[in-house]
Protein backbone atom coordinates (compact mmCIF):
# COMPACT_ATOMS: atom_id res chain seq x y z
CA MET A 1 -104.36 6.70 -109.23
CA ASN A 2 -104.97 5.49 -105.71
CA ASP A 3 -106.28 8.31 -103.48
CA SER A 4 -106.73 6.25 -100.34
CA PRO A 5 -105.04 7.66 -97.22
CA SER A 6 -102.87 4.58 -96.83
CA ALA A 7 -101.40 5.00 -100.33
CA SER A 8 -99.40 8.05 -99.26
CA ARG A 9 -98.49 6.80 -95.79
CA THR A 10 -95.05 5.35 -95.18
CA ILE A 11 -95.07 2.40 -92.83
CA TYR A 12 -92.07 1.99 -90.56
CA LYS A 13 -91.38 -1.23 -88.75
CA THR A 14 -90.71 -0.76 -85.07
CA MET A 15 -89.34 -2.82 -82.26
CA ASN A 16 -89.79 -2.64 -78.52
CA ILE A 17 -86.73 -2.30 -76.30
CA LEU A 18 -86.14 -1.43 -72.67
CA ILE A 19 -84.10 1.69 -71.95
CA ASN A 20 -83.12 1.74 -68.28
CA GLY A 21 -86.16 -0.41 -67.56
CA GLN A 22 -88.66 1.68 -69.54
CA ALA A 23 -90.37 0.15 -72.59
CA THR A 24 -89.67 2.22 -75.69
CA ASP A 25 -90.59 1.77 -79.36
CA MET A 26 -87.73 2.36 -81.78
CA PRO A 27 -87.47 1.96 -85.55
CA ASP A 28 -85.96 -1.30 -86.78
CA ASN A 29 -82.23 -1.10 -87.48
CA SER A 30 -81.66 1.41 -84.68
CA THR A 31 -78.16 1.77 -83.29
CA ILE A 32 -76.95 2.87 -79.88
CA THR A 33 -76.32 6.30 -81.36
CA SER A 34 -79.92 6.59 -82.60
CA VAL A 35 -81.24 5.43 -79.22
CA LEU A 36 -79.22 8.17 -77.50
CA GLN A 37 -80.59 10.72 -79.97
CA HIS A 38 -84.13 9.44 -79.36
CA ILE A 39 -83.85 10.04 -75.62
CA GLU A 40 -82.15 13.39 -76.28
CA GLN A 41 -78.86 12.34 -74.68
CA HIS A 42 -76.74 14.76 -76.71
CA HIS A 43 -73.74 14.87 -74.35
CA THR A 44 -72.07 11.48 -74.47
CA GLY A 45 -69.12 12.27 -72.21
CA GLY A 46 -69.18 10.37 -68.95
CA ILE A 47 -71.73 7.75 -70.00
CA ALA A 48 -71.49 4.04 -70.64
CA VAL A 49 -73.96 1.88 -72.55
CA ALA A 50 -74.66 -1.81 -72.13
CA ILE A 51 -76.89 -3.98 -74.29
CA ASN A 52 -78.19 -7.08 -72.52
CA ASP A 53 -75.57 -6.66 -69.76
CA MET A 54 -72.65 -6.33 -72.21
CA VAL A 55 -70.86 -2.97 -72.20
CA VAL A 56 -70.36 -1.62 -75.73
CA PRO A 57 -67.28 0.53 -76.37
CA LYS A 58 -68.13 4.08 -77.43
CA SER A 59 -66.23 3.54 -80.68
CA GLN A 60 -68.85 0.92 -81.66
CA TRP A 61 -72.03 2.84 -80.79
CA SER A 62 -72.79 3.95 -84.36
CA ASP A 63 -72.38 0.38 -85.66
CA SER A 64 -74.05 -1.55 -82.83
CA GLN A 65 -77.56 -2.53 -83.89
CA ILE A 66 -80.31 -2.87 -81.32
CA SER A 67 -82.73 -5.79 -81.67
CA ASP A 68 -86.33 -6.23 -80.61
CA GLY A 69 -86.50 -7.04 -76.91
CA ASP A 70 -83.00 -5.78 -76.10
CA LYS A 71 -82.32 -4.24 -72.71
CA VAL A 72 -80.31 -1.03 -73.02
CA LEU A 73 -78.71 0.34 -69.88
CA ILE A 74 -77.32 3.88 -69.95
CA ILE A 75 -75.11 4.76 -67.01
CA LYS A 76 -74.13 8.36 -66.32
CA ALA A 77 -71.09 9.12 -64.23
CA SER A 78 -71.67 11.65 -61.49
CA GLN A 79 -69.45 13.52 -59.11
CA GLY A 80 -69.97 13.34 -55.44
CA GLY A 81 -68.23 13.20 -52.18
């Protein structure tokens, strides 16, 4: 039996992405949906998401994989006058 601390530790691969210009580490195989959960953006009405300057339809968020180095832009609609 291996009692070393590393034997019981799970190692997750991560990637670095930019979310609205801020460097963020995310697990590999993250999707737009998981990125939104990570930043605690629970209300998805009135927002748009672009990956590397390409807008992704909301219907594709759960299937759209983020890659290391991607630039994710989250735009929130606001009311004003």
